[in-house]
């Protein structure tokens, strides 16, 4: 398959070649513009809450520029094909291109909003979610946020404009593209671009590639969602240890339920059960803050308790919480939460004492 340039109508080549020669001449100055906006963006993002994995930039190569401006299309009124970009220096926004690579989808929006707020540096003239079309059509594909930004009174741009046309006063205004996407979308798009658009032999193609790209895009979206959920859970759990925030929240029955389901989602009650008794057990020991419950529900402690008591059945929240408090407080837990010693019968006291002996034996043999 011939390239756009190779298949270009000879009558259109002169115009394209003239623009290519101009681009070759000004590209060194344009590379300095790329460097300037890249360093500006890196400096802007390095102290932000959503620090990206990395920020890169490139100035379009001469070969890529020639190939792009050699594209043609049929005019709306019909007739012979015409150049799609007859005036590329006015219409192309990707001669300077920046990429901001993030970890999670939510960071894309945070980075985009931060950049758009820097109005003294950049004027945002376009903001496009590239995956909106595929979402609304029920398909999968390229996912990225594209900003079209205009520099404001930029000195590197002024120097470039002087090289481009010294007869026109420079204004420091230049349009460029900034793509924001996750590392997963970045990997997918790089591989897809290499095979679809930069293949050494364009004839090496099969429709099965389209199916595989669609399938991998769907898998990556699932992976991104899973990591986003994981990060959200991490932030929630981290908040439990914040004494000035979530960690100080009182342990109401509903709060106990929510913390438990976040930390131990595999050990849950039935939907309609009441968590009041759990809150009462904790309150008996003066445990009335979220941070104290988070500390009690230590994974290592739970593992030790399970080994010590060798449960015949996996315990639910009631029993596991009771055992954790027994492990932590021993006879104090029995005295605070069981029947009085002189009350007959006293099944809870008997059960707790039996379990405490198991715990003590385990500690003796595993000390």
Protein backbone atom coordinates (compact mmCIF):
# COMPACT_ATOMS: atom_id res chain seq x y z
CA UNK A 1 0.00 0.00 0.00
CA UNK A 2 1.47 3.34 -1.08
CA UNK A 3 1.91 6.21 1.36
CA UNK A 4 -0.19 9.37 1.09
CA UNK A 5 2.76 11.18 -0.44
CA UNK A 6 3.51 8.42 -2.95
CA UNK A 7 -0.10 8.31 -4.16
CA UNK A 8 -0.57 12.08 -4.21
CA UNK A 9 -1.72 13.67 -7.46
CA UNK A 10 1.31 15.35 -9.12
CA UNK A 11 -0.69 18.58 -9.42
CA UNK A 12 -0.92 18.78 -5.60
CA UNK A 13 2.68 17.85 -4.86
CA UNK A 14 4.14 21.32 -5.44
CA UNK A 15 2.00 22.84 -2.68
CA UNK A 16 2.78 20.02 -0.26
CA UNK A 17 6.50 20.12 -1.01
CA UNK A 18 6.60 23.88 -0.41
CA UNK A 19 5.03 23.42 3.05
CA UNK A 20 7.41 20.55 3.83
CA UNK A 21 10.43 22.70 2.97
CA UNK A 22 9.08 25.50 5.15
CA UNK A 23 8.53 23.07 7.98
CA UNK A 24 12.08 21.75 7.66
CA UNK A 25 13.33 25.31 8.02
CA UNK A 26 11.27 26.27 11.08
CA UNK A 27 11.26 22.93 12.89
CA UNK A 28 14.41 23.66 14.99
CA UNK A 29 12.67 26.73 16.42
CA UNK A 30 9.48 24.74 16.91
CA UNK A 31 11.42 22.14 18.91
CA UNK A 32 12.29 24.91 21.36
CA UNK A 33 8.58 25.71 21.68
CA UNK A 34 7.94 22.04 22.47
CA UNK A 35 10.66 22.07 25.11
CA UNK A 36 9.30 25.26 26.67
CA UNK A 37 5.68 24.12 27.01
CA UNK A 38 6.83 20.67 28.16
CA UNK A 39 8.92 22.10 31.00
CA UNK A 40 6.11 24.47 31.92
CA UNK A 41 3.64 21.60 32.12
CA UNK A 42 5.99 19.40 34.15
CA UNK A 43 6.61 22.21 36.62
CA UNK A 44 2.87 22.85 36.88
CA UNK A 45 2.03 19.21 37.62
CA UNK A 46 4.91 18.13 39.86
CA UNK A 47 3.30 19.50 43.04
CA UNK A 48 -0.32 18.75 42.16
CA UNK A 49 -2.48 16.27 44.07
CA UNK A 50 -2.69 14.02 41.01
CA UNK A 51 0.98 13.82 40.04
CA UNK A 52 1.13 11.99 36.68
CA UNK A 53 3.48 9.09 36.02
CA UNK A 54 5.27 11.11 33.37
CA UNK A 55 4.87 13.96 30.89
CA UNK A 56 6.41 13.75 27.43
CA UNK A 57 6.49 15.94 24.37
CA UNK A 58 7.48 15.72 20.73
CA UNK A 59 7.74 17.88 17.67
CA UNK A 60 6.26 16.18 14.62
CA UNK A 61 8.94 14.78 12.33
CA UNK A 62 9.31 16.07 8.81
CA UNK A 63 8.29 12.67 7.41
CA UNK A 64 5.16 12.54 9.56
CA UNK A 65 4.30 16.13 8.65
CA UNK A 66 4.62 15.39 4.92
CA UNK A 67 2.52 12.25 5.20
CA UNK A 68 -0.24 14.03 7.09
CA UNK A 69 -0.50 17.06 4.82
CA UNK A 70 -0.57 14.71 1.80
CA UNK A 71 -3.99 13.43 2.82
CA UNK A 72 -6.76 14.22 0.36
CA UNK A 73 -10.54 14.21 0.37
CA UNK A 74 -13.42 14.63 -2.05
CA UNK A 75 -14.97 18.13 -1.88
CA UNK A 76 -18.58 18.39 -0.73
CA UNK A 77 -19.54 19.71 -4.14
CA UNK A 78 -17.80 16.76 -5.82
CA UNK A 79 -14.99 16.78 -8.34
CA UNK A 80 -11.32 15.75 -8.09
CA UNK A 81 -9.75 15.14 -4.70
CA UNK A 82 -8.23 18.11 -2.88
CA UNK A 83 -5.77 18.44 -0.01
CA UNK A 84 -7.35 17.93 3.39
CA UNK A 85 -4.89 20.39 4.97
CA UNK A 86 -4.10 22.98 2.28
CA UNK A 87 -2.85 25.46 4.90
CA UNK A 88 -1.30 23.17 7.55
CA UNK A 89 0.40 25.89 9.57
CA UNK A 90 -3.03 27.36 10.31
CA UNK A 91 -5.09 24.19 10.69
CA UNK A 92 -2.82 21.56 12.30
CA UNK A 93 -2.64 21.61 16.09
CA UNK A 94 -0.44 18.56 16.58
CA UNK A 95 2.92 19.72 15.22
CA UNK A 96 3.73 20.23 18.90
CA UNK A 97 2.22 17.44 20.98
CA UNK A 98 2.37 16.75 24.71
CA UNK A 99 1.24 13.65 26.59
CA UNK A 100 0.39 13.42 30.25
CA UNK A 101 0.29 9.79 31.42
CA UNK A 102 -1.68 9.09 34.60
CA UNK A 103 -2.34 6.03 36.74
CA UNK A 104 -6.13 6.14 37.09
CA UNK A 105 -9.00 7.46 34.94
CA UNK A 106 -10.11 9.96 37.59
CA UNK A 107 -6.70 11.62 37.40
CA UNK A 108 -7.31 12.53 33.75
CA UNK A 109 -10.05 14.95 34.73
CA UNK A 110 -8.00 16.37 37.61
CA UNK A 111 -5.01 17.03 35.35
CA UNK A 112 -7.18 18.54 32.61
CA UNK A 113 -8.91 20.87 35.07
CA UNK A 114 -5.58 21.98 36.53
CA UNK A 115 -4.16 22.80 33.10
CA UNK A 116 -7.31 24.68 32.07
CA UNK A 117 -7.11 26.83 35.21
CA UNK A 118 -3.66 28.16 34.23
CA UNK A 119 -5.19 30.92 32.13
CA UNK A 120 -2.14 33.13 32.42
CA UNK A 121 -0.14 30.47 30.53
CA UNK A 122 -2.59 28.63 28.30
CA UNK A 123 -5.96 29.32 26.76
CA UNK A 124 -7.92 26.08 26.30
CA UNK A 125 -9.58 26.15 22.88
CA UNK A 126 -10.75 22.54 22.74
CA UNK A 127 -11.47 19.69 25.15
CA UNK A 128 -12.50 16.31 23.75
CA UNK A 129 -13.06 12.91 25.37
CA UNK A 130 -11.97 10.52 22.66
CA UNK A 131 -13.84 7.53 24.12
CA UNK A 132 -17.26 9.23 24.29
CA UNK A 133 -18.24 7.94 20.85
CA UNK A 134 -17.35 4.35 21.63
CA UNK A 135 -19.18 4.49 24.98
CA UNK A 136 -22.36 5.84 23.43
CA UNK A 137 -22.24 3.32 20.58
CA UNK A 138 -21.63 0.39 22.94
CA UNK A 139 -18.18 -0.36 21.55
CA UNK A 140 -14.59 -0.21 22.81
CA UNK A 141 -11.58 1.64 21.48
CA UNK A 142 -9.19 4.52 21.97
CA UNK A 143 -9.56 6.33 25.28
CA UNK A 144 -7.89 9.70 25.87
CA UNK A 145 -8.60 13.31 26.80
CA UNK A 146 -7.41 15.80 24.18
CA UNK A 147 -6.91 19.47 24.98
CA UNK A 148 -6.16 22.07 22.33
CA UNK A 149 -4.18 24.79 24.10
CA UNK A 150 -2.98 28.21 22.96
CA UNK A 151 0.12 29.78 24.46
CA UNK A 152 -0.07 33.35 25.72
CA UNK A 153 2.79 35.80 25.12
CA UNK A 154 5.27 32.92 25.04
CA UNK A 155 8.85 34.00 24.28
CA UNK A 156 9.82 30.72 22.58
CA UNK A 157 6.79 31.04 20.35
CA UNK A 158 7.77 34.61 19.49
CA UNK A 159 11.22 33.38 18.46
CA UNK A 160 9.62 30.69 16.28
CA UNK A 161 7.29 33.22 14.70
CA UNK A 162 10.25 35.44 13.85
CA UNK A 163 11.85 32.52 12.00
CA UNK A 164 8.56 31.60 10.31
CA UNK A 165 7.83 35.09 9.02
CA UNK A 166 10.06 37.96 10.15
CA UNK A 167 7.76 40.48 8.44
CA UNK A 168 4.89 39.89 10.90
CA UNK A 169 5.18 41.09 14.53
CA UNK A 170 5.25 38.01 16.80
CA UNK A 171 2.45 37.67 19.36
CA UNK A 172 3.57 34.57 21.29
CA UNK A 173 0.33 32.73 20.51
CA UNK A 174 0.55 29.15 19.25
CA UNK A 175 -1.87 26.19 19.23
CA UNK A 176 -0.71 22.77 20.36
CA UNK A 177 -2.25 19.50 21.51
CA UNK A 178 -2.06 17.91 24.97
CA UNK A 179 -3.24 14.31 25.34
CA UNK A 180 -4.08 13.01 28.81
CA UNK A 181 -4.58 9.28 29.33
CA UNK A 182 -3.86 6.44 31.70
CA UNK A 183 -0.81 4.23 31.43
CA UNK A 184 -3.07 1.38 30.30
CA UNK A 185 -4.65 3.45 27.53
CA UNK A 186 -1.19 4.72 26.60
CA UNK A 187 0.20 1.21 26.16
CA UNK A 188 -2.84 0.18 24.09
CA UNK A 189 -2.71 3.23 21.84
CA UNK A 190 1.05 2.95 21.25
CA UNK A 191 0.78 -0.67 20.14
CA UNK A 192 -2.36 0.02 18.11
CA UNK A 193 -0.76 3.02 16.43
CA UNK A 194 2.38 1.08 15.54
CA UNK A 195 0.41 -1.72 13.89
CA UNK A 196 -2.38 0.30 12.29
CA UNK A 197 -0.61 3.47 11.20
CA UNK A 198 3.14 2.91 11.37
CA UNK A 199 3.45 -0.64 10.10
CA UNK A 200 6.61 -1.27 8.07
CA UNK A 201 4.45 -3.09 5.55
CA UNK A 202 0.86 -1.73 5.44
CA UNK A 203 -0.23 -4.84 3.54
CA UNK A 204 0.35 -6.91 6.69
CA UNK A 205 -3.20 -6.64 7.93
CA UNK A 206 -6.14 -8.88 8.81
CA UNK A 207 -9.60 -8.02 10.22
CA UNK A 208 -8.74 -10.23 13.19
CA UNK A 209 -6.44 -7.44 14.38
CA UNK A 210 -9.52 -5.21 14.74
CA UNK A 211 -11.21 -7.87 16.88
CA UNK A 212 -8.12 -8.23 19.06
CA UNK A 213 -7.76 -4.48 19.55
CA UNK A 214 -11.44 -4.26 20.53
CA UNK A 215 -11.08 -7.19 22.95
CA UNK A 216 -7.96 -5.77 24.59
CA UNK A 217 -9.57 -2.32 24.91
CA UNK A 218 -12.49 -3.97 26.75
CA UNK A 219 -10.11 -5.87 29.04
CA UNK A 220 -8.11 -2.74 29.81
CA UNK A 221 -11.29 -0.85 30.70
CA UNK A 222 -12.14 -3.63 33.16
CA UNK A 223 -8.63 -3.51 34.64
CA UNK A 224 -8.81 0.28 34.97
CA UNK A 225 -12.16 0.02 36.74
CA UNK A 226 -10.75 -2.60 39.12
CA UNK A 227 -7.75 -0.41 39.96
CA UNK A 228 -10.02 2.61 40.40
CA UNK A 229 -12.18 0.64 42.86
CA UNK A 230 -9.05 -0.55 44.66
CA UNK A 231 -7.74 3.01 44.96
CA UNK A 232 -11.11 4.25 46.23
CA UNK A 233 -11.16 1.51 48.89
CA UNK A 234 -7.56 2.33 49.84
CA UNK A 235 -8.43 6.01 50.32
CA UNK A 236 -11.41 5.03 52.46
CA UNK A 237 -9.35 2.68 54.63
CA UNK A 238 -6.57 5.25 54.96
CA UNK A 239 -9.17 7.69 56.24
CA UNK A 240 -9.97 5.36 59.14
CA UNK A 241 -6.54 6.19 60.59
CA UNK A 242 -6.98 9.95 60.30
CA UNK A 243 -7.67 11.17 63.83
CA UNK A 244 -8.65 14.59 62.53
CA UNK A 245 -11.12 13.15 60.03
CA UNK A 246 -12.79 9.80 59.43
CA UNK A 247 -10.87 8.12 62.23
CA UNK A 248 -12.66 10.20 64.86
CA UNK A 249 -16.16 9.27 63.64
CA UNK A 250 -18.25 7.65 66.44
CA UNK A 251 -19.01 3.94 66.19
CA UNK A 252 -22.74 3.87 65.63
CA UNK A 253 -24.20 0.52 64.51
CA UNK A 254 -24.26 1.73 60.90
CA UNK A 255 -20.68 2.98 61.12
CA UNK A 256 -19.52 -0.38 62.50
CA UNK A 257 -21.29 -2.05 59.58
CA UNK A 258 -19.69 0.22 56.97
CA UNK A 259 -16.16 -0.12 58.38
CA UNK A 260 -16.55 -3.88 58.69
CA UNK A 261 -17.79 -4.29 55.13
CA UNK A 262 -14.91 -2.20 53.84
CA UNK A 263 -12.16 -4.01 55.76
CA UNK A 264 -13.71 -7.48 55.78
CA UNK A 265 -16.12 -7.71 52.86
CA UNK A 266 -15.74 -11.51 52.85
CA UNK A 267 -17.13 -11.74 56.40
CA UNK A 268 -20.57 -10.15 56.24
CA UNK A 269 -23.99 -10.46 57.82
CA UNK A 270 -27.28 -10.87 56.14
CA UNK A 271 -28.60 -7.64 54.66
CA UNK A 272 -31.33 -7.16 57.26
CA UNK A 273 -29.25 -7.90 60.38
CA UNK A 274 -28.74 -5.33 63.15
CA UNK A 275 -25.22 -4.16 64.04
CA UNK A 276 -26.29 -2.78 67.38
CA UNK A 277 -24.88 -5.70 69.37
CA UNK A 278 -21.48 -5.28 67.74
CA UNK A 279 -21.48 -1.60 68.74
CA UNK A 280 -22.42 -2.57 72.31
CA UNK A 281 -19.53 -5.07 72.54
CA UNK A 282 -17.08 -2.40 71.39
CA UNK A 283 -18.54 0.25 73.71
CA UNK A 284 -18.11 -2.13 76.67
CA UNK A 285 -14.34 -1.70 76.22
CA UNK A 286 -14.52 2.04 75.57
CA UNK A 287 -13.99 1.55 71.85
CA UNK A 288 -16.13 4.28 70.33
CA UNK A 289 -14.06 5.71 67.46
CA UNK A 290 -13.53 4.43 63.93
CA UNK A 291 -9.76 4.34 64.33
CA UNK A 292 -10.12 1.97 67.29
CA UNK A 293 -12.24 -0.49 65.32
CA UNK A 294 -9.78 -0.32 62.40
CA UNK A 295 -6.97 -1.18 64.80
CA UNK A 296 -8.90 -4.10 66.26
CA UNK A 297 -9.65 -5.58 62.83
CA UNK A 298 -5.98 -6.24 62.12
CA UNK A 299 -5.44 -8.92 59.47
CA UNK A 300 -2.63 -10.49 61.51
CA UNK A 301 -4.79 -10.61 64.63
CA UNK A 302 -7.67 -12.19 62.73
CA UNK A 303 -5.31 -14.86 61.35
CA UNK A 304 -4.05 -15.68 64.85
CA UNK A 305 -7.58 -15.87 66.25
CA UNK A 306 -8.68 -18.23 63.49
CA UNK A 307 -5.70 -20.51 64.17
CA UNK A 308 -6.21 -20.44 67.93
CA UNK A 309 -9.92 -21.29 67.88
CA UNK A 310 -9.87 -23.57 64.82
CA UNK A 311 -13.47 -22.73 63.93
CA UNK A 312 -15.45 -25.62 62.51
CA UNK A 313 -17.47 -23.11 60.50
CA UNK A 314 -16.35 -19.76 59.17
CA UNK A 315 -17.53 -17.29 61.82
CA UNK A 316 -19.77 -14.37 60.93
CA UNK A 317 -19.15 -10.83 62.13
CA UNK A 318 -20.77 -11.38 65.55
CA UNK A 319 -18.63 -14.34 66.46
CA UNK A 320 -15.42 -13.05 64.90
CA UNK A 321 -15.73 -9.68 66.66
CA UNK A 322 -16.44 -11.45 69.94
CA UNK A 323 -13.35 -13.64 69.47
CA UNK A 324 -11.16 -10.66 68.58
CA UNK A 325 -12.20 -8.83 71.74
CA UNK A 326 -11.61 -12.00 73.77
CA UNK A 327 -8.15 -12.34 72.25
CA UNK A 328 -7.37 -8.70 73.02
CA UNK A 329 -8.89 -8.35 76.51
CA UNK A 330 -9.14 -11.88 77.94
CA UNK A 331 -11.05 -12.21 81.21
CA UNK A 332 -11.92 -8.50 81.11
CA UNK A 333 -14.04 -9.18 78.04
CA UNK A 334 -15.82 -12.00 79.86
CA UNK A 335 -16.56 -9.86 82.91
CA UNK A 336 -17.81 -6.93 80.83
CA UNK A 337 -20.04 -8.79 78.37
CA UNK A 338 -21.07 -12.13 79.92
CA UNK A 339 -23.59 -13.02 82.63
CA UNK A 340 -22.56 -12.46 86.24
CA UNK A 341 -20.78 -15.50 87.77
CA UNK A 342 -23.68 -16.19 90.18
CA UNK A 343 -26.34 -16.16 87.45
CA UNK A 344 -27.66 -19.58 86.47
CA UNK A 345 -27.44 -20.63 83.74
CA UNK A 346 -24.59 -18.70 82.15
CA UNK A 347 -24.08 -20.11 78.66
CA UNK A 348 -22.23 -17.08 77.29
CA UNK A 349 -19.78 -17.05 80.19
CA UNK A 350 -19.16 -20.79 79.71
CA UNK A 351 -18.59 -20.34 75.98
CA UNK A 352 -16.21 -17.43 76.45
CA UNK A 353 -14.22 -19.23 79.14
CA UNK A 354 -13.88 -22.31 76.94
CA UNK A 355 -12.64 -20.20 74.02
CA UNK A 356 -10.24 -18.26 76.24
CA UNK A 357 -8.62 -21.55 77.34
CA UNK A 358 -8.13 -22.44 73.66
CA UNK A 359 -6.48 -19.08 73.07
CA UNK A 360 -4.19 -19.50 76.08
CA UNK A 361 -3.14 -22.99 74.97
CA UNK A 362 -2.41 -21.68 71.48
CA UNK A 363 -0.28 -18.88 72.88
CA UNK A 364 1.69 -21.30 75.04
CA UNK A 365 2.46 -23.63 72.17
CA UNK A 366 3.23 -20.82 69.69
CA UNK A 367 5.19 -18.44 71.88
